[in-house]
C-alpha cells in the first residue's frame, strides 16, 4: 500500500476517560510512558496500525484524532501538497 497510516494519535481533553473507553470498547492494550511534558499512552491494537493518546496540548480545544502517514520524503510530500 502506498503511503499507509503508520500511527494514529488521540489528543484528548480527558486522558483517563479515553483510556477507560477505548481500552474496554476495542480491547486495546494501553501502556503509559513518561515524557518530559507529562505522559504519553501507547496504544497496542495487536494486528494493524497502533498509536497513542495524550492530554490535548491546546487548552479548550476539543478532543481529536491525528493520523500519521508514511512518506518517502517530507519535503516532496509538502511540495506536492502545496
C-alpha atoms as a PDB file:
ATOM      1  CA  UNK A   1       0.000   0.000   0.000  1.00  0.00           C
ATOM      2  CA  UNK A   2       1.398   3.375  -0.927  1.00  0.00           C
ATOM      3  CA  UNK A   3       1.560   5.883   1.932  1.00  0.00           C
ATOM      4  CA  UNK A   4      -0.124   3.849   4.678  1.00  0.00           C
ATOM      5  CA  UNK A   5      -1.194   5.163   8.044  1.00  0.00           C
ATOM      6  CA  UNK A   6       1.642   4.376  10.463  1.00  0.00           C
ATOM      7  CA  UNK A   7       0.416   5.889  13.736  1.00  0.00           C
ATOM      8  CA  UNK A   8      -2.883   7.312  14.962  1.00  0.00           C
ATOM      9  CA  UNK A   9      -2.873   9.723  17.901  1.00  0.00           C
ATOM     10  CA  UNK A  10      -5.705  10.950  20.106  1.00  0.00           C
ATOM     11  CA  UNK A  11      -5.292  14.380  21.656  1.00  0.00           C
ATOM     12  CA  UNK A  12      -7.933  14.241  24.368  1.00  0.00           C
ATOM     13  CA  UNK A  13      -9.402  16.535  26.996  1.00  0.00           C
ATOM     14  CA  UNK A  14      -9.786  13.567  29.387  1.00  0.00           C
ATOM     15  CA  UNK A  15      -6.972  11.002  29.239  1.00  0.00           C
ATOM     16  CA  UNK A  16      -8.377   8.745  31.959  1.00  0.00           C
ATOM     17  CA  UNK A  17     -11.837   8.581  30.397  1.00  0.00           C
ATOM     18  CA  UNK A  18     -10.366   7.933  26.934  1.00  0.00           C
ATOM     19  CA  UNK A  19      -8.199   5.125  28.285  1.00  0.00           C
ATOM     20  CA  UNK A  20     -11.193   3.505  30.021  1.00  0.00           C
ATOM     21  CA  UNK A  21     -13.459   3.823  26.988  1.00  0.00           C
ATOM     22  CA  UNK A  22     -11.095   2.738  24.202  1.00  0.00           C
ATOM     23  CA  UNK A  23      -9.356   0.102  26.309  1.00  0.00           C
ATOM     24  CA  UNK A  24     -12.646  -1.642  27.094  1.00  0.00           C
ATOM     25  CA  UNK A  25     -14.505  -0.978  23.833  1.00  0.00           C
ATOM     26  CA  UNK A  26     -11.740  -2.171  21.487  1.00  0.00           C
ATOM     27  CA  UNK A  27      -9.757  -4.303  23.942  1.00  0.00           C
ATOM     28  CA  UNK A  28      -6.631  -2.246  23.209  1.00  0.00           C
ATOM     29  CA  UNK A  29      -3.533  -2.665  25.369  1.00  0.00           C
ATOM     30  CA  UNK A  30      -2.521   0.741  26.762  1.00  0.00           C
ATOM     31  CA  UNK A  31       0.987   1.379  28.071  1.00  0.00           C
ATOM     32  CA  UNK A  32       1.910   4.649  29.781  1.00  0.00           C
ATOM     33  CA  UNK A  33       5.304   6.147  29.009  1.00  0.00           C
ATOM     34  CA  UNK A  34       6.631   9.150  30.949  1.00  0.00           C
ATOM     35  CA  UNK A  35       7.770  12.100  28.839  1.00  0.00           C
ATOM     36  CA  UNK A  36       9.313  15.483  29.557  1.00  0.00           C
ATOM     37  CA  UNK A  37       5.825  17.105  29.273  1.00  0.00           C
ATOM     38  CA  UNK A  38       3.877  14.587  31.350  1.00  0.00           C
ATOM     39  CA  UNK A  39       2.925  11.196  29.961  1.00  0.00           C
ATOM     40  CA  UNK A  40       2.046   9.523  26.697  1.00  0.00           C
ATOM     41  CA  UNK A  41       0.000   6.351  26.376  1.00  0.00           C
ATOM     42  CA  UNK A  42       0.958   3.937  23.627  1.00  0.00           C
ATOM     43  CA  UNK A  43      -1.945   2.061  22.019  1.00  0.00           C
ATOM     44  CA  UNK A  44      -1.225  -1.540  21.044  1.00  0.00           C
ATOM     45  CA  UNK A  45      -4.050  -2.792  18.828  1.00  0.00           C
ATOM     46  CA  UNK A  46      -2.472  -6.184  18.219  1.00  0.00           C
ATOM     47  CA  UNK A  47      -2.636  -6.516  14.443  1.00  0.00           C
ATOM     48  CA  UNK A  48      -2.691  -3.297  12.413  1.00  0.00           C
ATOM     49  CA  UNK A  49      -1.674   0.293  12.984  1.00  0.00           C
ATOM     50  CA  UNK A  50      -1.336   1.326  16.601  1.00  0.00           C
ATOM     51  CA  UNK A  51      -0.953   4.750  18.044  1.00  0.00           C
ATOM     52  CA  UNK A  52      -1.050   6.780  21.176  1.00  0.00           C
ATOM     53  CA  UNK A  53      -3.056   9.182  23.261  1.00  0.00           C
ATOM     54  CA  UNK A  54      -2.194  12.213  25.308  1.00  0.00           C
ATOM     55  CA  UNK A  55      -3.683  15.265  27.009  1.00  0.00           C
ATOM     56  CA  UNK A  56      -4.611  17.788  24.329  1.00  0.00           C
ATOM     57  CA  UNK A  57      -1.786  20.365  24.206  1.00  0.00           C
ATOM     58  CA  UNK A  58      -4.144  23.248  23.374  1.00  0.00           C
ATOM     59  CA  UNK A  59      -6.307  24.281  26.365  1.00  0.00           C
ATOM     60  CA  UNK A  60     -10.005  24.420  25.490  1.00  0.00           C
ATOM     61  CA  UNK A  61      -9.595  22.579  22.177  1.00  0.00           C
ATOM     62  CA  UNK A  62     -11.839  19.556  21.587  1.00  0.00           C
ATOM     63  CA  UNK A  63     -10.540  16.006  21.531  1.00  0.00           C
ATOM     64  CA  UNK A  64      -9.363  14.961  18.074  1.00  0.00           C
ATOM     65  CA  UNK A  65      -7.643  12.106  16.245  1.00  0.00           C
ATOM     66  CA  UNK A  66      -4.450  12.859  14.294  1.00  0.00           C
ATOM     67  CA  UNK A  67      -3.320  10.325  11.674  1.00  0.00           C
ATOM     68  CA  UNK A  68       0.328   9.972  10.648  1.00  0.00           C
ATOM     69  CA  UNK A  69       1.028   8.842   7.079  1.00  0.00           C
ATOM     70  CA  UNK A  70       4.305   7.350   5.834  1.00  0.00           C
ATOM     71  CA  UNK A  71       6.004   9.259   3.026  1.00  0.00           C
ATOM     72  CA  UNK A  72       9.386   8.696   1.398  1.00  0.00           C
ATOM     73  CA  UNK A  73      10.281  12.388   1.589  1.00  0.00           C
ATOM     74  CA  UNK A  74       8.657  15.027   3.792  1.00  0.00           C
ATOM     75  CA  UNK A  75       9.860  17.858   1.555  1.00  0.00           C
ATOM     76  CA  UNK A  76       8.496  16.167  -1.594  1.00  0.00           C
ATOM     77  CA  UNK A  77       5.152  15.460   0.090  1.00  0.00           C
ATOM     78  CA  UNK A  78       4.977  19.075   1.312  1.00  0.00           C
ATOM     79  CA  UNK A  79       5.701  20.435  -2.178  1.00  0.00           C
ATOM     80  CA  UNK A  80       3.099  18.107  -3.686  1.00  0.00           C
ATOM     81  CA  UNK A  81       0.505  19.288  -1.147  1.00  0.00           C
ATOM     82  CA  UNK A  82       1.223  22.930  -1.998  1.00  0.00           C
END
